[in-house]
Amino acid sequence: MLPFLTSLSPMIPLSIAIMCEVVATSFLPKTEQFTKPELTLLVLICYGIAFFMLSITVRTMPVGVAYAIWCGAGIVLVAMLGWVFSGQYLDKYALLGMSLIMAGTIIINVFSKSVTH
């Protein structure tokens, strides 16, 4: 393991994990069922980094809290990227749901004092 990664705030590797997962998920349709080797490799590398960074995060943050933040941020970011770059339509219910997800993620980040013992 890279020693400096374990000394960081768990939010740093978690943020890297989220960014890599969002990139991988956003490019997943472009792999065309893994028939495009370069894009497939990008997706697999990004998912690999994402899970590695998540494994570092859960050493000091409860897996449930880390996963809630990961999922909430990932859902909102992937949906927003799809809306901005692919013209995917988000109706009022999608926007409401994502607002609730964002609110939950913010509440966890600001108020939760959960730690792994």
N, C-alpha and C. Protein backbone atom coordinates (compact mmCIF):
# COMPACT_ATOMS: atom_id res chain seq x y z
N MET A 1 0.86 -1.18 0.00
CA MET A 1 0.00 0.00 0.00
C MET A 1 0.89 1.23 0.00
N LEU A 2 0.38 2.29 -0.56
CA LEU A 2 1.10 3.55 -0.57
C LEU A 2 0.89 4.23 0.78
N PRO A 3 1.96 4.35 1.61
CA PRO A 3 1.81 4.83 2.99
C PRO A 3 1.18 6.22 3.10
N PHE A 4 1.49 7.12 2.19
CA PHE A 4 0.95 8.47 2.31
C PHE A 4 -0.57 8.50 2.15
N LEU A 5 -1.14 7.54 1.44
CA LEU A 5 -2.59 7.53 1.24
C LEU A 5 -3.34 7.24 2.54
N THR A 6 -2.76 6.43 3.41
CA THR A 6 -3.45 6.08 4.64
C THR A 6 -3.42 7.21 5.66
N SER A 7 -2.51 8.19 5.47
CA SER A 7 -2.43 9.30 6.41
C SER A 7 -3.32 10.47 6.00
N LEU A 8 -3.94 10.39 4.84
CA LEU A 8 -4.80 11.47 4.36
C LEU A 8 -6.17 11.42 5.03
N SER A 9 -6.86 12.54 4.98
CA SER A 9 -8.27 12.56 5.37
C SER A 9 -8.99 11.56 4.47
N PRO A 10 -9.94 10.78 5.00
CA PRO A 10 -10.64 9.81 4.15
C PRO A 10 -11.41 10.46 3.01
N MET A 11 -11.70 11.74 3.11
CA MET A 11 -12.44 12.42 2.05
C MET A 11 -11.59 12.58 0.78
N ILE A 12 -10.27 12.58 0.90
CA ILE A 12 -9.43 12.73 -0.29
C ILE A 12 -9.48 11.47 -1.15
N PRO A 13 -9.17 10.28 -0.60
CA PRO A 13 -9.30 9.09 -1.45
C PRO A 13 -10.76 8.85 -1.88
N LEU A 14 -11.72 9.21 -1.03
CA LEU A 14 -13.12 9.04 -1.43
C LEU A 14 -13.46 9.95 -2.60
N SER A 15 -12.97 11.16 -2.60
CA SER A 15 -13.21 12.08 -3.72
C SER A 15 -12.59 11.56 -5.01
N ILE A 16 -11.37 11.01 -4.89
CA ILE A 16 -10.72 10.42 -6.06
C ILE A 16 -11.53 9.23 -6.55
N ALA A 17 -12.00 8.41 -5.62
CA ALA A 17 -12.82 7.25 -5.99
C ALA A 17 -14.08 7.68 -6.72
N ILE A 18 -14.73 8.71 -6.23
CA ILE A 18 -15.96 9.19 -6.86
C ILE A 18 -15.67 9.71 -8.26
N MET A 19 -14.61 10.51 -8.40
CA MET A 19 -14.28 11.07 -9.72
C MET A 19 -13.98 9.95 -10.72
N CYS A 20 -13.21 8.96 -10.29
CA CYS A 20 -12.87 7.85 -11.20
C CYS A 20 -14.11 7.04 -11.57
N GLU A 21 -14.98 6.81 -10.59
CA GLU A 21 -16.21 6.06 -10.87
C GLU A 21 -17.12 6.82 -11.82
N VAL A 22 -17.19 8.13 -11.67
CA VAL A 22 -18.03 8.95 -12.55
C VAL A 22 -17.47 8.92 -13.98
N VAL A 23 -16.16 9.02 -14.13
CA VAL A 23 -15.55 8.93 -15.46
C VAL A 23 -15.85 7.57 -16.07
N ALA A 24 -15.62 6.50 -15.31
CA ALA A 24 -15.84 5.15 -15.82
C ALA A 24 -17.29 4.94 -16.23
N THR A 25 -18.21 5.34 -15.37
CA THR A 25 -19.62 5.13 -15.66
C THR A 25 -20.06 5.97 -16.85
N SER A 26 -19.54 7.17 -16.97
CA SER A 26 -19.90 8.05 -18.09
C SER A 26 -19.41 7.50 -19.42
N PHE A 27 -18.26 6.85 -19.41
CA PHE A 27 -17.71 6.29 -20.65
C PHE A 27 -18.20 4.87 -20.94
N LEU A 28 -18.84 4.23 -19.99
CA LEU A 28 -19.29 2.85 -20.17
C LEU A 28 -20.13 2.64 -21.43
N PRO A 29 -21.12 3.49 -21.74
CA PRO A 29 -21.89 3.27 -22.98
C PRO A 29 -21.04 3.38 -24.24
N LYS A 30 -19.99 4.19 -24.18
CA LYS A 30 -19.15 4.39 -25.35
C LYS A 30 -18.25 3.19 -25.65
N THR A 31 -18.15 2.25 -24.71
CA THR A 31 -17.36 1.03 -24.97
C THR A 31 -18.09 0.09 -25.92
N GLU A 32 -19.39 0.34 -26.11
CA GLU A 32 -20.24 -0.50 -26.97
C GLU A 32 -20.08 -1.98 -26.60
N GLN A 33 -20.48 -2.29 -25.36
CA GLN A 33 -20.41 -3.63 -24.78
C GLN A 33 -18.97 -4.17 -24.82
N PHE A 34 -18.03 -3.33 -24.49
CA PHE A 34 -16.61 -3.66 -24.41
C PHE A 34 -16.00 -4.08 -25.75
N THR A 35 -16.54 -3.57 -26.84
CA THR A 35 -15.97 -3.87 -28.16
C THR A 35 -14.97 -2.81 -28.61
N LYS A 36 -14.87 -1.72 -27.89
CA LYS A 36 -13.89 -0.66 -28.19
C LYS A 36 -12.75 -0.78 -27.17
N PRO A 37 -11.63 -1.37 -27.57
CA PRO A 37 -10.56 -1.69 -26.61
C PRO A 37 -10.03 -0.49 -25.81
N GLU A 38 -9.81 0.64 -26.46
CA GLU A 38 -9.23 1.78 -25.76
C GLU A 38 -10.18 2.31 -24.68
N LEU A 39 -11.44 2.45 -25.03
CA LEU A 39 -12.41 2.94 -24.06
C LEU A 39 -12.69 1.91 -22.97
N THR A 40 -12.68 0.64 -23.34
CA THR A 40 -12.85 -0.42 -22.35
C THR A 40 -11.72 -0.37 -21.33
N LEU A 41 -10.49 -0.19 -21.81
CA LEU A 41 -9.34 -0.10 -20.92
C LEU A 41 -9.47 1.11 -19.99
N LEU A 42 -9.89 2.25 -20.52
CA LEU A 42 -10.11 3.44 -19.71
C LEU A 42 -11.13 3.16 -18.60
N VAL A 43 -12.24 2.55 -18.97
CA VAL A 43 -13.30 2.25 -18.00
C VAL A 43 -12.78 1.30 -16.93
N LEU A 44 -12.09 0.25 -17.31
CA LEU A 44 -11.60 -0.72 -16.34
C LEU A 44 -10.55 -0.12 -15.41
N ILE A 45 -9.66 0.71 -15.95
CA ILE A 45 -8.65 1.36 -15.12
C ILE A 45 -9.32 2.31 -14.12
N CYS A 46 -10.28 3.09 -14.61
CA CYS A 46 -10.97 4.03 -13.71
C CYS A 46 -11.74 3.31 -12.62
N TYR A 47 -12.43 2.22 -12.96
CA TYR A 47 -13.12 1.45 -11.93
C TYR A 47 -12.12 0.84 -10.94
N GLY A 48 -11.00 0.35 -11.45
CA GLY A 48 -9.97 -0.22 -10.57
C GLY A 48 -9.44 0.81 -9.58
N ILE A 49 -9.12 2.00 -10.07
CA ILE A 49 -8.65 3.07 -9.18
C ILE A 49 -9.75 3.44 -8.19
N ALA A 50 -10.98 3.53 -8.67
CA ALA A 50 -12.09 3.90 -7.80
C ALA A 50 -12.23 2.91 -6.64
N PHE A 51 -12.21 1.63 -6.92
CA PHE A 51 -12.36 0.64 -5.86
C PHE A 51 -11.15 0.60 -4.93
N PHE A 52 -9.96 0.82 -5.49
CA PHE A 52 -8.76 0.88 -4.65
C PHE A 52 -8.87 2.06 -3.68
N MET A 53 -9.27 3.21 -4.18
CA MET A 53 -9.41 4.40 -3.33
C MET A 53 -10.53 4.21 -2.29
N LEU A 54 -11.59 3.54 -2.68
CA LEU A 54 -12.66 3.25 -1.73
C LEU A 54 -12.15 2.32 -0.63
N SER A 55 -11.30 1.37 -0.99
CA SER A 55 -10.75 0.46 0.02
C SER A 55 -9.88 1.21 1.02
N ILE A 56 -9.21 2.25 0.58
CA ILE A 56 -8.42 3.08 1.50
C ILE A 56 -9.36 3.89 2.40
N THR A 57 -10.41 4.40 1.82
CA THR A 57 -11.38 5.21 2.57
C THR A 57 -12.00 4.43 3.71
N VAL A 58 -12.38 3.19 3.46
CA VAL A 58 -13.11 2.42 4.48
C VAL A 58 -12.22 1.90 5.60
N ARG A 59 -10.95 2.21 5.54
CA ARG A 59 -10.08 1.89 6.67
C ARG A 59 -10.36 2.82 7.85
N THR A 60 -10.82 4.05 7.54
CA THR A 60 -11.05 5.03 8.60
C THR A 60 -12.46 5.60 8.60
N MET A 61 -13.27 5.21 7.65
CA MET A 61 -14.65 5.68 7.57
C MET A 61 -15.55 4.46 7.44
N PRO A 62 -16.66 4.41 8.15
CA PRO A 62 -17.56 3.26 8.03
C PRO A 62 -17.99 3.04 6.58
N VAL A 63 -18.01 1.79 6.18
CA VAL A 63 -18.33 1.47 4.79
C VAL A 63 -19.72 1.99 4.40
N GLY A 64 -20.67 1.97 5.31
CA GLY A 64 -22.01 2.46 5.00
C GLY A 64 -22.03 3.94 4.71
N VAL A 65 -21.26 4.71 5.48
CA VAL A 65 -21.18 6.16 5.26
C VAL A 65 -20.43 6.44 3.96
N ALA A 66 -19.29 5.78 3.78
CA ALA A 66 -18.50 5.98 2.56
C ALA A 66 -19.32 5.63 1.32
N TYR A 67 -20.04 4.51 1.39
CA TYR A 67 -20.83 4.08 0.23
C TYR A 67 -22.00 5.02 -0.04
N ALA A 68 -22.60 5.54 1.01
CA ALA A 68 -23.70 6.50 0.83
C ALA A 68 -23.20 7.76 0.12
N ILE A 69 -22.05 8.25 0.54
CA ILE A 69 -21.48 9.44 -0.10
C ILE A 69 -21.10 9.12 -1.53
N TRP A 70 -20.45 7.98 -1.74
CA TRP A 70 -20.02 7.54 -3.08
C TRP A 70 -21.22 7.47 -4.02
N CYS A 71 -22.26 6.77 -3.58
CA CYS A 71 -23.45 6.59 -4.42
C CYS A 71 -24.16 7.92 -4.69
N GLY A 72 -24.37 8.68 -3.63
CA GLY A 72 -25.09 9.95 -3.79
C GLY A 72 -24.38 10.88 -4.74
N ALA A 73 -23.09 11.07 -4.53
CA ALA A 73 -22.33 11.97 -5.40
C ALA A 73 -22.26 11.40 -6.81
N GLY A 74 -22.04 10.10 -6.93
CA GLY A 74 -21.94 9.48 -8.25
C GLY A 74 -23.22 9.60 -9.05
N ILE A 75 -24.35 9.35 -8.42
CA ILE A 75 -25.64 9.44 -9.11
C ILE A 75 -25.86 10.85 -9.65
N VAL A 76 -25.65 11.83 -8.80
CA VAL A 76 -25.89 13.21 -9.19
C VAL A 76 -24.91 13.65 -10.28
N LEU A 77 -23.63 13.34 -10.10
CA LEU A 77 -22.63 13.77 -11.08
C LEU A 77 -22.82 13.10 -12.45
N VAL A 78 -23.09 11.80 -12.46
CA VAL A 78 -23.31 11.11 -13.74
C VAL A 78 -24.55 11.66 -14.43
N ALA A 79 -25.61 11.89 -13.68
CA ALA A 79 -26.83 12.45 -14.27
C ALA A 79 -26.58 13.85 -14.83
N MET A 80 -25.83 14.66 -14.09
CA MET A 80 -25.54 16.02 -14.55
C MET A 80 -24.67 15.99 -15.81
N LEU A 81 -23.67 15.12 -15.83
CA LEU A 81 -22.83 15.01 -17.03
C LEU A 81 -23.65 14.53 -18.23
N GLY A 82 -24.54 13.58 -18.01
CA GLY A 82 -25.41 13.11 -19.09
C GLY A 82 -26.30 14.22 -19.61
N TRP A 83 -26.77 15.06 -18.71
CA TRP A 83 -27.63 16.19 -19.09
C TRP A 83 -26.84 17.23 -19.89
N VAL A 84 -25.64 17.58 -19.39
CA VAL A 84 -24.85 18.64 -20.02
C VAL A 84 -24.22 18.18 -21.33
N PHE A 85 -23.62 16.98 -21.34
CA PHE A 85 -22.85 16.56 -22.51
C PHE A 85 -23.60 15.67 -23.48
N SER A 86 -24.64 14.99 -23.03
CA SER A 86 -25.36 14.07 -23.92
C SER A 86 -26.80 14.50 -24.17
N GLY A 87 -27.20 15.61 -23.59
CA GLY A 87 -28.56 16.10 -23.80
C GLY A 87 -29.62 15.20 -23.19
N GLN A 88 -29.25 14.41 -22.18
CA GLN A 88 -30.24 13.56 -21.54
C GLN A 88 -31.19 14.41 -20.73
N TYR A 89 -32.46 14.12 -20.86
CA TYR A 89 -33.51 14.92 -20.24
C TYR A 89 -33.71 14.54 -18.78
N LEU A 90 -33.77 15.54 -17.92
CA LEU A 90 -34.07 15.32 -16.51
C LEU A 90 -35.37 16.06 -16.20
N ASP A 91 -36.42 15.31 -15.89
CA ASP A 91 -37.69 15.96 -15.56
C ASP A 91 -37.68 16.43 -14.11
N LYS A 92 -38.78 17.04 -13.69
CA LYS A 92 -38.83 17.63 -12.35
C LYS A 92 -38.69 16.58 -11.26
N TYR A 93 -39.15 15.36 -11.52
CA TYR A 93 -39.03 14.31 -10.51
C TYR A 93 -37.58 13.83 -10.38
N ALA A 94 -36.89 13.76 -11.50
CA ALA A 94 -35.47 13.40 -11.46
C ALA A 94 -34.68 14.47 -10.70
N LEU A 95 -34.99 15.73 -10.98
CA LEU A 95 -34.31 16.83 -10.29
C LEU A 95 -34.63 16.84 -8.80
N LEU A 96 -35.88 16.58 -8.45
CA LEU A 96 -36.28 16.51 -7.05
C LEU A 96 -35.55 15.37 -6.34
N GLY A 97 -35.54 14.21 -6.96
CA GLY A 97 -34.86 13.06 -6.37
C GLY A 97 -33.38 13.32 -6.18
N MET A 98 -32.74 13.91 -7.17
CA MET A 98 -31.32 14.22 -7.04
C MET A 98 -31.07 15.29 -5.98
N SER A 99 -32.00 16.21 -5.83
CA SER A 99 -31.88 17.22 -4.76
C SER A 99 -31.92 16.55 -3.39
N LEU A 100 -32.79 15.57 -3.24
CA LEU A 100 -32.87 14.84 -1.97
C LEU A 100 -31.60 14.02 -1.72
N ILE A 101 -31.07 13.43 -2.77
CA ILE A 101 -29.81 12.69 -2.65
C ILE A 101 -28.69 13.63 -2.22
N MET A 102 -28.62 14.80 -2.86
CA MET A 102 -27.59 15.78 -2.50
C MET A 102 -27.76 16.24 -1.05
N ALA A 103 -28.99 16.46 -0.64
CA ALA A 103 -29.25 16.88 0.74
C ALA A 103 -28.78 15.82 1.72
N GLY A 104 -29.07 14.56 1.42
CA GLY A 104 -28.63 13.47 2.29
C GLY A 104 -27.12 13.38 2.35
N THR A 105 -26.46 13.53 1.22
CA THR A 105 -25.00 13.48 1.18
C THR A 105 -24.39 14.62 1.98
N ILE A 106 -24.96 15.81 1.86
CA ILE A 106 -24.47 16.97 2.62
C ILE A 106 -24.68 16.74 4.12
N ILE A 107 -25.84 16.24 4.49
CA ILE A 107 -26.12 15.97 5.91
C ILE A 107 -25.10 14.99 6.48
N ILE A 108 -24.82 13.93 5.75
CA ILE A 108 -23.83 12.94 6.21
C ILE A 108 -22.47 13.61 6.38
N ASN A 109 -22.04 14.40 5.38
CA ASN A 109 -20.72 15.02 5.44
C ASN A 109 -20.61 16.06 6.55
N VAL A 110 -21.64 16.81 6.78
CA VAL A 110 -21.57 17.90 7.75
C VAL A 110 -21.81 17.43 9.18
N PHE A 111 -22.76 16.52 9.36
CA PHE A 111 -23.19 16.20 10.72
C PHE A 111 -22.75 14.84 11.25
N SER A 112 -22.45 13.88 10.39
CA SER A 112 -22.11 12.55 10.88
C SER A 112 -20.73 12.54 11.51
N LYS A 113 -20.64 11.93 12.66
CA LYS A 113 -19.36 11.77 13.35
C LYS A 113 -18.95 10.29 13.37
N SER A 114 -19.52 9.50 12.47
CA SER A 114 -19.22 8.06 12.40
C SER A 114 -17.77 7.85 12.01
N VAL A 115 -17.12 6.97 12.73
CA VAL A 115 -15.75 6.59 12.42
C VAL A 115 -15.61 5.08 12.61
N THR A 116 -14.61 4.51 11.96
CA THR A 116 -14.31 3.11 12.12
C THR A 116 -13.36 2.95 13.32
N HIS A 117 -13.65 2.00 14.17
CA HIS A 117 -12.80 1.78 15.35
C HIS A 117 -11.86 0.63 15.10
